[in-house]
């Protein structure tokens, strides 16, 4: 198989999760390669590719695609159903996916993805609370306008859900207070079969975070 997706540890790598979900949802066959984050092996493997030195990276024969949203767009070119078919819904889906890709730094730093962490609340800064409010607003808008056909942002699972799935995981892990729409959406993501597959694999990984408050260093269990 010439198509390979290189990802970081499934427990922690939110950016890796996004295109992995999109490729899986699209039914695109690919080989995955998990490279432990912040290790000599990681630096050697990513350095040899000549990309940005970060995961995820899609290897398609002699072509490389990096950045989660770029890989998702690569998948959508082969499976147009990844973006909503309605032009208005598609415009909103692309807008919120791009906002997710570029924003919400407080949520990322204050609620790092850790699928193995016991679920318990964590206080947020005012900026973190503002990020949460904006995310819930996005979810509410998409669900109200275009979500009638299913439990996801635009009804059926889409590229936008792939982008927001790690946020749903963070909200669950850190028991973030949610409105009814947000709570239902987080539950839908956690029940989505491909997310379940990723999370199951994450919990079986032999790497754990050494310190609770940071993502690294990683130590072998």
N, C-alpha and C. Protein backbone atom coordinates (compact mmCIF):
# COMPACT_ATOMS: atom_id res chain seq x y z
N UNK A 1 0.85 -1.20 0.00
CA UNK A 1 0.00 0.00 0.00
C UNK A 1 0.89 1.25 0.00
N UNK A 2 0.63 2.15 -0.93
CA UNK A 2 1.48 3.33 -1.04
C UNK A 2 1.02 4.46 -0.12
N UNK A 3 -0.20 4.39 0.38
CA UNK A 3 -0.75 5.47 1.18
C UNK A 3 -0.50 5.19 2.66
N UNK A 4 0.20 6.12 3.31
CA UNK A 4 0.54 5.94 4.72
C UNK A 4 0.29 7.24 5.46
N UNK A 5 -0.34 7.14 6.64
CA UNK A 5 -0.54 8.29 7.52
C UNK A 5 0.35 8.12 8.74
N UNK A 6 1.27 9.07 8.92
CA UNK A 6 2.17 9.04 10.07
C UNK A 6 1.58 9.92 11.15
N UNK A 7 1.38 9.32 12.32
CA UNK A 7 0.73 10.01 13.43
C UNK A 7 1.59 9.89 14.69
N UNK A 8 1.28 10.76 15.66
CA UNK A 8 1.90 10.66 16.97
C UNK A 8 1.08 9.77 17.88
N UNK A 9 1.52 9.68 19.14
CA UNK A 9 0.81 8.86 20.12
C UNK A 9 -0.68 9.18 20.10
N UNK A 10 -1.50 8.15 20.03
CA UNK A 10 -2.94 8.37 19.92
C UNK A 10 -3.55 8.95 21.19
N UNK A 11 -2.90 8.73 22.31
CA UNK A 11 -3.40 9.28 23.56
C UNK A 11 -3.37 10.80 23.56
N UNK A 12 -2.36 11.39 22.92
CA UNK A 12 -2.10 12.81 23.06
C UNK A 12 -2.23 13.64 21.78
N UNK A 13 -2.09 13.01 20.63
CA UNK A 13 -1.92 13.78 19.40
C UNK A 13 -3.27 14.13 18.77
N UNK A 14 -3.80 15.27 19.18
CA UNK A 14 -5.09 15.73 18.65
C UNK A 14 -5.01 16.01 17.16
N UNK A 15 -3.88 16.56 16.70
CA UNK A 15 -3.76 16.87 15.28
C UNK A 15 -3.72 15.61 14.44
N UNK A 16 -3.13 14.53 14.97
CA UNK A 16 -3.12 13.27 14.25
C UNK A 16 -4.51 12.66 14.14
N UNK A 17 -5.29 12.80 15.22
CA UNK A 17 -6.63 12.23 15.24
C UNK A 17 -7.50 12.78 14.10
N UNK A 18 -7.38 14.06 13.82
CA UNK A 18 -8.28 14.71 12.86
C UNK A 18 -8.26 14.06 11.47
N UNK A 19 -7.11 14.00 10.79
CA UNK A 19 -7.14 13.37 9.46
C UNK A 19 -7.35 11.87 9.51
N UNK A 20 -6.94 11.23 10.61
CA UNK A 20 -7.18 9.79 10.76
C UNK A 20 -8.69 9.52 10.73
N UNK A 21 -9.46 10.34 11.44
CA UNK A 21 -10.92 10.19 11.42
C UNK A 21 -11.48 10.47 10.03
N UNK A 22 -10.98 11.51 9.38
CA UNK A 22 -11.50 11.86 8.06
C UNK A 22 -11.23 10.75 7.04
N UNK A 23 -10.01 10.25 7.01
CA UNK A 23 -9.68 9.16 6.08
C UNK A 23 -10.53 7.93 6.38
N UNK A 24 -10.70 7.63 7.66
CA UNK A 24 -11.49 6.46 8.04
C UNK A 24 -12.95 6.64 7.66
N UNK A 25 -13.50 7.84 7.91
CA UNK A 25 -14.89 8.11 7.56
C UNK A 25 -15.12 8.03 6.05
N UNK A 26 -14.11 8.42 5.28
CA UNK A 26 -14.24 8.39 3.83
C UNK A 26 -14.06 7.00 3.24
N UNK A 27 -13.66 6.05 4.07
CA UNK A 27 -13.43 4.70 3.58
C UNK A 27 -12.18 4.57 2.75
N UNK A 28 -11.22 5.46 2.96
CA UNK A 28 -9.96 5.42 2.22
C UNK A 28 -8.99 4.50 2.94
N UNK A 29 -8.52 3.46 2.25
CA UNK A 29 -7.59 2.52 2.86
C UNK A 29 -6.23 3.17 3.02
N UNK A 30 -5.64 3.03 4.19
CA UNK A 30 -4.30 3.58 4.42
C UNK A 30 -3.61 2.77 5.50
N UNK A 31 -2.30 2.81 5.44
CA UNK A 31 -1.47 2.23 6.49
C UNK A 31 -1.16 3.33 7.49
N UNK A 32 -1.17 3.02 8.77
CA UNK A 32 -0.79 4.02 9.76
C UNK A 32 0.56 3.67 10.36
N UNK A 33 1.30 4.70 10.68
CA UNK A 33 2.59 4.56 11.37
C UNK A 33 2.57 5.49 12.57
N UNK A 34 2.65 4.91 13.76
CA UNK A 34 2.63 5.69 14.99
C UNK A 34 4.07 5.92 15.44
N UNK A 35 4.44 7.19 15.59
CA UNK A 35 5.80 7.55 16.00
C UNK A 35 5.70 8.25 17.35
N UNK A 36 6.35 7.73 18.41
CA UNK A 36 6.25 8.35 19.73
C UNK A 36 6.74 9.80 19.71
N UNK A 37 5.94 10.69 20.24
CA UNK A 37 6.25 12.12 20.24
C UNK A 37 7.49 12.44 21.06
N UNK A 38 8.19 13.48 20.63
CA UNK A 38 9.31 14.05 21.38
C UNK A 38 10.37 13.01 21.74
N UNK A 39 10.71 12.17 20.78
CA UNK A 39 11.76 11.16 20.96
C UNK A 39 12.77 11.31 19.82
N UNK A 40 13.92 10.69 19.98
CA UNK A 40 14.91 10.70 18.90
C UNK A 40 14.35 10.03 17.66
N UNK A 41 13.57 8.96 17.85
CA UNK A 41 12.97 8.27 16.71
C UNK A 41 12.00 9.18 15.97
N UNK A 42 11.25 9.98 16.71
CA UNK A 42 10.32 10.92 16.10
C UNK A 42 11.08 11.95 15.26
N UNK A 43 12.10 12.54 15.85
CA UNK A 43 12.86 13.57 15.13
C UNK A 43 13.54 13.00 13.90
N UNK A 44 14.06 11.78 14.01
CA UNK A 44 14.72 11.17 12.87
C UNK A 44 13.72 10.86 11.76
N UNK A 45 12.57 10.30 12.13
CA UNK A 45 11.58 9.91 11.12
C UNK A 45 10.99 11.13 10.42
N UNK A 46 10.61 12.14 11.19
CA UNK A 46 10.01 13.32 10.58
C UNK A 46 11.04 14.16 9.84
N UNK A 47 12.27 14.18 10.36
CA UNK A 47 13.32 14.92 9.68
C UNK A 47 13.65 14.31 8.33
N UNK A 48 13.58 12.99 8.25
CA UNK A 48 13.91 12.33 6.99
C UNK A 48 12.89 12.62 5.90
N UNK A 49 11.66 12.95 6.32
CA UNK A 49 10.62 13.21 5.33
C UNK A 49 10.79 14.57 4.65
N UNK A 50 11.43 15.50 5.35
CA UNK A 50 11.61 16.83 4.78
C UNK A 50 10.36 17.67 4.80
N UNK A 51 9.39 17.30 5.65
CA UNK A 51 8.17 18.11 5.80
C UNK A 51 8.39 19.12 6.92
N UNK A 52 7.35 19.42 7.68
CA UNK A 52 7.45 20.47 8.70
C UNK A 52 8.03 19.97 10.01
N UNK A 53 8.31 18.69 10.11
CA UNK A 53 8.85 18.15 11.36
C UNK A 53 7.79 17.89 12.40
N UNK A 54 6.52 17.86 12.00
CA UNK A 54 5.42 17.60 12.92
C UNK A 54 4.49 16.55 12.32
N UNK A 55 3.73 15.92 13.18
CA UNK A 55 2.67 15.01 12.72
C UNK A 55 1.35 15.77 12.73
N UNK A 56 0.44 15.32 11.87
CA UNK A 56 0.48 14.16 10.98
C UNK A 56 1.12 14.49 9.63
N UNK A 57 1.55 13.44 8.96
CA UNK A 57 2.03 13.55 7.58
C UNK A 57 1.41 12.41 6.79
N UNK A 58 0.85 12.72 5.64
CA UNK A 58 0.34 11.70 4.73
C UNK A 58 1.36 11.48 3.63
N UNK A 59 1.76 10.23 3.45
CA UNK A 59 2.69 9.85 2.39
C UNK A 59 1.88 9.15 1.30
N UNK A 60 1.80 9.79 0.15
CA UNK A 60 1.04 9.26 -0.98
C UNK A 60 2.02 9.02 -2.12
N UNK A 61 2.59 7.83 -2.12
CA UNK A 61 3.64 7.54 -3.10
C UNK A 61 4.84 8.44 -2.84
N UNK A 62 5.19 9.27 -3.82
CA UNK A 62 6.32 10.18 -3.63
C UNK A 62 5.85 11.59 -3.25
N UNK A 63 4.57 11.73 -2.93
CA UNK A 63 4.03 13.03 -2.52
C UNK A 63 3.77 13.03 -1.01
N UNK A 64 4.00 14.20 -0.39
CA UNK A 64 3.74 14.38 1.03
C UNK A 64 2.66 15.43 1.22
N UNK A 65 1.77 15.19 2.18
CA UNK A 65 0.80 16.19 2.59
C UNK A 65 0.89 16.31 4.10
N UNK A 66 1.09 17.52 4.61
CA UNK A 66 1.11 17.71 6.05
C UNK A 66 0.12 18.81 6.42
N UNK A 67 -0.07 19.00 7.71
CA UNK A 67 -1.12 19.83 8.29
C UNK A 67 -2.47 19.10 8.19
N UNK A 68 -3.15 19.00 9.32
CA UNK A 68 -4.37 18.20 9.40
C UNK A 68 -5.41 18.61 8.37
N UNK A 69 -5.65 19.91 8.25
CA UNK A 69 -6.69 20.38 7.35
C UNK A 69 -6.33 20.11 5.89
N UNK A 70 -5.05 20.20 5.55
CA UNK A 70 -4.62 19.89 4.19
C UNK A 70 -4.84 18.41 3.87
N UNK A 71 -4.57 17.54 4.83
CA UNK A 71 -4.79 16.11 4.62
C UNK A 71 -6.29 15.82 4.48
N UNK A 72 -7.10 16.50 5.29
CA UNK A 72 -8.54 16.33 5.17
C UNK A 72 -9.04 16.77 3.80
N UNK A 73 -8.52 17.88 3.30
CA UNK A 73 -8.89 18.32 1.96
C UNK A 73 -8.45 17.32 0.90
N UNK A 74 -7.27 16.74 1.08
CA UNK A 74 -6.81 15.68 0.18
C UNK A 74 -7.83 14.55 0.16
N UNK A 75 -8.30 14.15 1.34
CA UNK A 75 -9.29 13.07 1.41
C UNK A 75 -10.61 13.49 0.76
N UNK A 76 -11.01 14.74 0.97
CA UNK A 76 -12.28 15.23 0.43
C UNK A 76 -12.26 15.29 -1.09
N UNK A 77 -11.09 15.49 -1.68
CA UNK A 77 -11.01 15.48 -3.14
C UNK A 77 -11.34 14.09 -3.69
N UNK A 78 -11.07 13.08 -2.91
CA UNK A 78 -11.34 11.70 -3.33
C UNK A 78 -12.69 11.20 -2.83
N UNK A 79 -13.23 11.88 -1.85
CA UNK A 79 -14.53 11.51 -1.28
C UNK A 79 -15.28 12.80 -0.98
N UNK A 80 -15.93 13.38 -1.98
CA UNK A 80 -16.57 14.70 -1.79
C UNK A 80 -17.57 14.76 -0.66
N UNK A 81 -18.11 13.62 -0.23
CA UNK A 81 -19.07 13.62 0.87
C UNK A 81 -18.50 14.02 2.21
N UNK A 82 -17.19 14.20 2.32
CA UNK A 82 -16.62 14.63 3.59
C UNK A 82 -17.04 16.04 3.97
N UNK A 83 -17.28 16.89 2.97
CA UNK A 83 -17.85 18.21 3.24
C UNK A 83 -19.33 18.16 2.91
N UNK A 84 -20.17 18.91 3.62
CA UNK A 84 -21.60 18.90 3.32
C UNK A 84 -21.87 19.27 1.86
N UNK A 85 -22.93 18.67 1.28
CA UNK A 85 -23.25 18.93 -0.12
C UNK A 85 -23.95 20.27 -0.32
N UNK A 86 -24.72 20.72 0.67
CA UNK A 86 -25.39 22.01 0.59
C UNK A 86 -24.33 23.12 0.60
N UNK A 87 -24.32 24.01 -0.39
CA UNK A 87 -23.28 25.05 -0.45
C UNK A 87 -23.22 25.92 0.80
N UNK A 88 -24.38 26.23 1.38
CA UNK A 88 -24.38 27.06 2.59
C UNK A 88 -23.78 26.30 3.77
N UNK A 89 -24.16 25.03 3.88
CA UNK A 89 -23.60 24.21 4.96
C UNK A 89 -22.10 24.00 4.75
N UNK A 90 -21.70 23.79 3.50
CA UNK A 90 -20.28 23.59 3.21
C UNK A 90 -19.47 24.83 3.53
N UNK A 91 -20.02 26.00 3.24
CA UNK A 91 -19.32 27.24 3.56
C UNK A 91 -19.11 27.38 5.06
N UNK A 92 -20.16 27.06 5.83
CA UNK A 92 -20.03 27.13 7.28
C UNK A 92 -19.06 26.08 7.79
N UNK A 93 -19.15 24.88 7.24
CA UNK A 93 -18.26 23.80 7.70
C UNK A 93 -16.79 24.15 7.45
N UNK A 94 -16.49 24.70 6.29
CA UNK A 94 -15.11 25.09 5.99
C UNK A 94 -14.65 26.24 6.89
N UNK A 95 -15.56 27.16 7.16
CA UNK A 95 -15.20 28.31 8.00
C UNK A 95 -14.88 27.88 9.42
N UNK A 96 -15.73 27.03 9.99
CA UNK A 96 -15.49 26.64 11.39
C UNK A 96 -14.31 25.68 11.49
N UNK A 97 -14.08 24.85 10.46
CA UNK A 97 -12.91 23.98 10.47
C UNK A 97 -11.63 24.80 10.44
N UNK A 98 -11.62 25.85 9.62
CA UNK A 98 -10.45 26.71 9.55
C UNK A 98 -10.26 27.48 10.85
N UNK A 99 -11.36 27.93 11.46
CA UNK A 99 -11.25 28.61 12.74
C UNK A 99 -10.67 27.67 13.80
N UNK A 100 -11.10 26.42 13.76
CA UNK A 100 -10.55 25.44 14.70
C UNK A 100 -9.06 25.23 14.46
N UNK A 101 -8.68 25.17 13.20
CA UNK A 101 -7.27 24.92 12.86
C UNK A 101 -6.38 26.05 13.36
N UNK A 102 -6.89 27.27 13.32
CA UNK A 102 -6.05 28.43 13.62
C UNK A 102 -6.23 28.98 15.03
N UNK A 103 -7.30 28.63 15.71
CA UNK A 103 -7.64 29.32 16.96
C UNK A 103 -7.73 28.43 18.18
N UNK A 104 -8.36 29.00 19.21
CA UNK A 104 -8.64 28.31 20.47
C UNK A 104 -7.36 27.85 21.19
N UNK A 105 -6.38 28.73 21.23
CA UNK A 105 -5.10 28.39 21.84
C UNK A 105 -5.22 28.15 23.34
N UNK A 106 -6.14 28.84 23.99
CA UNK A 106 -6.29 28.65 25.44
C UNK A 106 -6.80 27.26 25.76
N UNK A 107 -7.80 26.80 25.03
CA UNK A 107 -8.31 25.45 25.25
C UNK A 107 -7.21 24.43 24.99
N UNK A 108 -6.43 24.65 23.95
CA UNK A 108 -5.36 23.71 23.64
C UNK A 108 -4.33 23.63 24.76
N UNK A 109 -3.93 24.79 25.29
CA UNK A 109 -2.87 24.80 26.29
C UNK A 109 -3.38 24.42 27.68
N UNK A 110 -4.60 24.81 28.01
CA UNK A 110 -5.12 24.57 29.35
C UNK A 110 -5.78 23.20 29.50
N UNK A 111 -6.24 22.63 28.37
CA UNK A 111 -6.88 21.32 28.40
C UNK A 111 -6.20 20.42 27.37
N UNK A 112 -4.94 20.04 27.60
CA UNK A 112 -4.24 19.22 26.60
C UNK A 112 -4.93 17.87 26.43
N UNK A 113 -4.94 17.39 25.20
CA UNK A 113 -5.58 16.10 24.95
C UNK A 113 -4.81 14.99 25.65
N UNK A 114 -5.54 14.19 26.42
CA UNK A 114 -4.97 13.05 27.12
C UNK A 114 -6.11 12.05 27.33
N UNK A 115 -6.25 11.12 26.40
CA UNK A 115 -7.37 10.19 26.46
C UNK A 115 -7.26 9.22 27.61
N UNK A 116 -6.08 9.09 28.20
CA UNK A 116 -5.89 8.17 29.32
C UNK A 116 -6.11 8.84 30.68
N UNK A 117 -6.32 10.13 30.70
CA UNK A 117 -6.46 10.85 31.96
C UNK A 117 -7.85 10.62 32.56
N UNK A 118 -7.93 10.31 33.86
CA UNK A 118 -9.25 10.18 34.48
C UNK A 118 -10.06 11.46 34.32
N UNK A 119 -11.34 11.32 34.04
CA UNK A 119 -12.19 12.49 33.82
C UNK A 119 -12.41 13.23 35.13
N UNK A 120 -11.98 14.48 35.17
CA UNK A 120 -12.19 15.33 36.34
C UNK A 120 -12.06 16.78 35.91
N UNK A 121 -12.78 17.68 36.59
CA UNK A 121 -12.79 19.08 36.18
C UNK A 121 -11.43 19.75 36.35
N UNK A 122 -11.21 20.78 35.54
CA UNK A 122 -10.05 21.64 35.66
C UNK A 122 -10.50 23.07 35.42
N UNK A 123 -10.06 23.99 36.27
CA UNK A 123 -10.45 25.40 36.12
C UNK A 123 -9.82 25.99 34.87
N UNK A 124 -10.56 26.89 34.25
CA UNK A 124 -10.08 27.56 33.05
C UNK A 124 -9.85 29.04 33.32
N UNK A 125 -8.92 29.62 32.58
CA UNK A 125 -8.72 31.07 32.61
C UNK A 125 -9.88 31.75 31.91
N UNK A 126 -10.04 33.07 32.07
CA UNK A 126 -11.08 33.77 31.31
C UNK A 126 -10.96 33.56 29.81
N UNK A 127 -9.74 33.50 29.29
CA UNK A 127 -9.57 33.25 27.85
C UNK A 127 -10.02 31.83 27.50
N UNK A 128 -9.72 30.89 28.37
CA UNK A 128 -10.17 29.53 28.13
C UNK A 128 -11.68 29.43 28.15
N UNK A 129 -12.31 30.12 29.10
CA UNK A 129 -13.78 30.13 29.16
C UNK A 129 -14.38 30.77 27.91
N UNK A 130 -13.72 31.82 27.40
CA UNK A 130 -14.19 32.45 26.18
C UNK A 130 -14.07 31.50 24.99
N UNK A 131 -12.99 30.73 24.94
CA UNK A 131 -12.84 29.73 23.88
C UNK A 131 -13.97 28.71 23.94
N UNK A 132 -14.26 28.22 25.14
CA UNK A 132 -15.33 27.23 25.30
C UNK A 132 -16.67 27.81 24.84
N UNK A 133 -16.94 29.05 25.24
CA UNK A 133 -18.21 29.68 24.85
C UNK A 133 -18.31 29.80 23.33
N UNK A 134 -17.21 30.17 22.69
CA UNK A 134 -17.22 30.30 21.23
C UNK A 134 -17.44 28.93 20.58
N UNK A 135 -16.77 27.91 21.07
CA UNK A 135 -16.93 26.57 20.51
C UNK A 135 -18.37 26.09 20.65
N UNK A 136 -18.96 26.29 21.83
CA UNK A 136 -20.35 25.88 22.03
C UNK A 136 -21.28 26.67 21.11
N UNK A 137 -20.96 27.94 20.88
CA UNK A 137 -21.74 28.73 19.94
C UNK A 137 -21.66 28.19 18.52
N UNK A 138 -20.46 27.79 18.11
CA UNK A 138 -20.27 27.19 16.78
C UNK A 138 -21.09 25.91 16.66
N UNK A 139 -20.97 25.05 17.66
CA UNK A 139 -21.72 23.79 17.61
C UNK A 139 -23.22 24.04 17.56
N UNK A 140 -23.68 24.97 18.37
CA UNK A 140 -25.11 25.27 18.39
C UNK A 140 -25.60 25.81 17.06
N UNK A 141 -24.80 26.68 16.45
CA UNK A 141 -25.18 27.26 15.15
C UNK A 141 -25.27 26.17 14.08
N UNK A 142 -24.25 25.33 14.00
CA UNK A 142 -24.24 24.29 12.97
C UNK A 142 -25.38 23.30 13.19
N UNK A 143 -25.58 22.89 14.42
CA UNK A 143 -26.64 21.92 14.70
C UNK A 143 -28.02 22.50 14.39
N UNK A 144 -28.24 23.77 14.78
CA UNK A 144 -29.55 24.38 14.56
C UNK A 144 -29.85 24.56 13.08
N UNK A 145 -28.84 24.93 12.31
CA UNK A 145 -29.08 25.23 10.89
C UNK A 145 -29.04 23.99 10.00
N UNK A 146 -28.12 23.06 10.30
CA UNK A 146 -27.88 21.98 9.35
C UNK A 146 -27.79 20.59 9.96
N UNK A 147 -28.09 20.45 11.24
CA UNK A 147 -27.86 19.18 11.91
C UNK A 147 -29.05 18.26 12.01
N UNK A 148 -30.11 18.52 11.28
CA UNK A 148 -31.33 17.75 11.46
C UNK A 148 -31.18 16.29 11.03
N UNK A 149 -30.23 15.98 10.15
CA UNK A 149 -30.14 14.63 9.61
C UNK A 149 -29.34 13.64 10.42
N UNK A 150 -28.85 14.03 11.58
CA UNK A 150 -28.05 13.12 12.37
C UNK A 150 -27.48 13.82 13.59
N UNK A 151 -26.62 13.15 14.37
CA UNK A 151 -26.16 13.71 15.64
C UNK A 151 -24.94 14.62 15.55
N UNK A 152 -24.40 14.79 14.32
CA UNK A 152 -23.17 15.55 14.18
C UNK A 152 -23.45 16.98 13.74
N UNK A 153 -22.41 17.78 13.56
CA UNK A 153 -22.60 19.21 13.33
C UNK A 153 -23.47 19.49 12.11
N UNK A 154 -23.31 18.68 11.05
CA UNK A 154 -24.08 18.87 9.84
C UNK A 154 -24.93 17.63 9.54
N UNK A 155 -25.38 16.99 10.58
CA UNK A 155 -26.17 15.77 10.46
C UNK A 155 -25.28 14.55 10.46
N UNK A 156 -24.82 14.14 9.27
CA UNK A 156 -23.87 13.05 9.18
C UNK A 156 -22.46 13.50 9.51
N UNK A 157 -21.59 12.56 9.82
CA UNK A 157 -20.20 12.87 10.16
C UNK A 157 -19.52 13.53 8.97
N UNK A 158 -18.81 14.62 9.22
CA UNK A 158 -18.16 15.39 8.15
C UNK A 158 -16.74 15.77 8.55
N UNK A 159 -16.07 16.44 7.63
CA UNK A 159 -14.73 16.94 7.91
C UNK A 159 -14.72 17.89 9.10
N UNK A 160 -15.80 18.65 9.27
CA UNK A 160 -15.88 19.57 10.42
C UNK A 160 -15.86 18.79 11.73
N UNK A 161 -16.53 17.65 11.77
CA UNK A 161 -16.51 16.83 12.98
C UNK A 161 -15.12 16.26 13.24
N UNK A 162 -14.41 15.90 12.18
CA UNK A 162 -13.04 15.43 12.35
C UNK A 162 -12.18 16.51 13.00
N UNK A 163 -12.41 17.76 12.63
CA UNK A 163 -11.65 18.86 13.21
C UNK A 163 -12.01 19.11 14.68
N UNK A 164 -13.28 18.93 15.03
CA UNK A 164 -13.71 19.24 16.40
C UNK A 164 -13.71 18.03 17.34
N UNK A 165 -13.48 16.83 16.82
CA UNK A 165 -13.51 15.65 17.68
C UNK A 165 -12.52 15.73 18.86
N UNK A 166 -11.27 16.20 18.65
CA UNK A 166 -10.37 16.30 19.80
C UNK A 166 -10.86 17.28 20.86
N UNK A 167 -11.60 18.30 20.44
CA UNK A 167 -12.16 19.24 21.41
C UNK A 167 -13.23 18.55 22.24
N UNK A 168 -14.06 17.75 21.58
CA UNK A 168 -15.06 16.97 22.31
C UNK A 168 -14.38 16.05 23.32
N UNK A 169 -13.25 15.47 22.93
CA UNK A 169 -12.51 14.61 23.85
C UNK A 169 -11.98 15.40 25.05
N UNK A 170 -11.46 16.58 24.80
CA UNK A 170 -10.97 17.43 25.89
C UNK A 170 -12.12 17.80 26.84
N UNK A 171 -13.25 18.19 26.27
CA UNK A 171 -14.38 18.60 27.11
C UNK A 171 -14.84 17.45 28.01
N UNK A 172 -14.78 16.23 27.47
CA UNK A 172 -15.13 15.07 28.30
C UNK A 172 -14.08 14.84 29.38
N UNK A 173 -12.82 14.84 29.00
CA UNK A 173 -11.74 14.54 29.95
C UNK A 173 -11.74 15.52 31.11
N UNK A 174 -11.95 16.79 30.82
CA UNK A 174 -11.86 17.81 31.87
C UNK A 174 -13.23 18.26 32.36
N UNK A 175 -14.26 17.47 32.00
CA UNK A 175 -15.61 17.69 32.53
C UNK A 175 -16.05 19.15 32.41
N UNK A 176 -15.84 19.71 31.24
CA UNK A 176 -16.21 21.10 30.99
C UNK A 176 -17.74 21.23 31.01
N UNK A 177 -18.29 22.19 31.75
CA UNK A 177 -19.74 22.38 31.74
C UNK A 177 -20.23 22.72 30.33
N UNK A 178 -21.27 22.01 29.89
CA UNK A 178 -21.77 22.16 28.53
C UNK A 178 -23.27 22.41 28.54
N UNK A 179 -23.75 23.06 27.49
CA UNK A 179 -25.19 23.17 27.30
C UNK A 179 -25.69 21.85 26.72
N UNK A 180 -27.02 21.74 26.52
CA UNK A 180 -27.60 20.47 26.07
C UNK A 180 -27.08 20.06 24.71
N UNK A 181 -26.94 21.02 23.80
CA UNK A 181 -26.44 20.71 22.46
C UNK A 181 -25.00 20.22 22.53
N UNK A 182 -24.17 20.91 23.31
CA UNK A 182 -22.78 20.51 23.44
C UNK A 182 -22.62 19.14 24.06
N UNK A 183 -23.40 18.85 25.10
CA UNK A 183 -23.32 17.55 25.77
C UNK A 183 -23.71 16.43 24.82
N UNK A 184 -24.76 16.65 24.03
CA UNK A 184 -25.20 15.63 23.09
C UNK A 184 -24.15 15.41 22.00
N UNK A 185 -23.51 16.49 21.57
CA UNK A 185 -22.50 16.37 20.53
C UNK A 185 -21.27 15.62 21.05
N UNK A 186 -20.83 15.94 22.25
CA UNK A 186 -19.69 15.23 22.84
C UNK A 186 -20.00 13.74 22.95
N UNK A 187 -21.22 13.41 23.36
CA UNK A 187 -21.62 12.01 23.45
C UNK A 187 -21.62 11.34 22.08
N UNK A 188 -22.07 12.07 21.04
CA UNK A 188 -22.09 11.52 19.69
C UNK A 188 -20.69 11.23 19.18
N UNK A 189 -19.75 12.12 19.43
CA UNK A 189 -18.36 11.89 19.03
C UNK A 189 -17.80 10.67 19.73
N UNK A 190 -18.05 10.53 21.02
CA UNK A 190 -17.50 9.40 21.76
C UNK A 190 -18.12 8.07 21.37
N UNK A 191 -19.30 8.12 20.75
CA UNK A 191 -19.94 6.89 20.28
C UNK A 191 -19.62 6.57 18.82
N UNK A 192 -19.00 7.51 18.11
CA UNK A 192 -18.69 7.32 16.69
C UNK A 192 -17.69 6.17 16.54
N UNK A 193 -17.97 5.16 15.71
CA UNK A 193 -17.15 3.95 15.69
C UNK A 193 -15.66 4.19 15.43
N UNK A 194 -15.32 5.09 14.54
CA UNK A 194 -13.89 5.32 14.29
C UNK A 194 -13.21 5.99 15.47
N UNK A 195 -13.91 6.92 16.13
CA UNK A 195 -13.35 7.51 17.34
C UNK A 195 -13.15 6.43 18.40
N UNK A 196 -14.10 5.52 18.54
CA UNK A 196 -13.96 4.43 19.51
C UNK A 196 -12.74 3.59 19.20
N UNK A 197 -12.51 3.33 17.91
CA UNK A 197 -11.32 2.56 17.51
C UNK A 197 -10.04 3.29 17.91
N UNK A 198 -9.98 4.59 17.64
CA UNK A 198 -8.79 5.38 17.99
C UNK A 198 -8.57 5.37 19.50
N UNK A 199 -9.64 5.63 20.25
CA UNK A 199 -9.52 5.72 21.71
C UNK A 199 -9.10 4.37 22.29
N UNK A 200 -9.65 3.28 21.79
CA UNK A 200 -9.26 1.96 22.27
C UNK A 200 -7.78 1.71 22.05
N UNK A 201 -7.29 2.08 20.87
CA UNK A 201 -5.86 1.92 20.59
C UNK A 201 -5.02 2.84 21.49
N UNK A 202 -5.53 4.04 21.74
CA UNK A 202 -4.80 4.98 22.60
C UNK A 202 -4.60 4.40 23.99
N UNK A 203 -5.66 3.81 24.52
CA UNK A 203 -5.58 3.29 25.89
C UNK A 203 -4.67 2.07 26.01
N UNK A 204 -4.34 1.46 24.87
CA UNK A 204 -3.43 0.32 24.87
C UNK A 204 -1.98 0.72 24.62
N UNK A 205 -1.72 1.99 24.38
CA UNK A 205 -0.35 2.43 24.09
C UNK A 205 0.56 2.30 25.30
N UNK A 206 1.84 1.99 25.07
CA UNK A 206 2.77 1.82 26.20
C UNK A 206 3.50 3.10 26.59
N UNK A 207 2.93 4.26 26.29
CA UNK A 207 3.57 5.52 26.62
C UNK A 207 2.60 6.36 27.43
N UNK A 208 3.11 7.00 28.49
CA UNK A 208 2.28 7.86 29.33
C UNK A 208 3.01 9.18 29.56
N UNK A 209 2.27 10.20 29.93
CA UNK A 209 2.87 11.49 30.26
C UNK A 209 3.52 11.41 31.63
N UNK A 210 4.74 11.96 31.74
CA UNK A 210 5.47 11.90 32.99
C UNK A 210 4.92 12.88 34.02
N UNK A 211 4.44 14.01 33.59
CA UNK A 211 3.92 15.02 34.51
C UNK A 211 2.51 15.39 34.10
N UNK A 212 1.64 15.59 35.07
CA UNK A 212 0.22 15.79 34.80
C UNK A 212 -0.06 17.06 34.01
N UNK A 213 0.70 18.10 34.23
CA UNK A 213 0.32 19.41 33.68
C UNK A 213 0.88 19.70 32.30
N UNK A 214 1.71 18.83 31.77
CA UNK A 214 2.31 19.10 30.47
C UNK A 214 2.21 17.87 29.58
N UNK A 215 2.42 18.07 28.31
CA UNK A 215 2.32 16.96 27.36
C UNK A 215 3.59 16.11 27.31
N UNK A 216 4.74 16.66 27.71
CA UNK A 216 5.98 15.90 27.67
C UNK A 216 6.75 16.13 28.97
N UNK A 217 7.82 15.33 29.18
CA UNK A 217 8.32 14.26 28.33
C UNK A 217 7.44 13.01 28.41
N UNK A 218 7.57 12.16 27.40
CA UNK A 218 6.88 10.88 27.43
C UNK A 218 7.84 9.83 28.00
N UNK A 219 7.30 8.94 28.79
CA UNK A 219 8.12 7.87 29.36
C UNK A 219 7.48 6.54 29.05
N UNK A 220 8.30 5.53 28.91
CA UNK A 220 7.80 4.18 28.60
C UNK A 220 7.17 3.60 29.86
N UNK A 221 5.96 3.06 29.72
CA UNK A 221 5.29 2.42 30.84
C UNK A 221 5.95 1.09 31.13
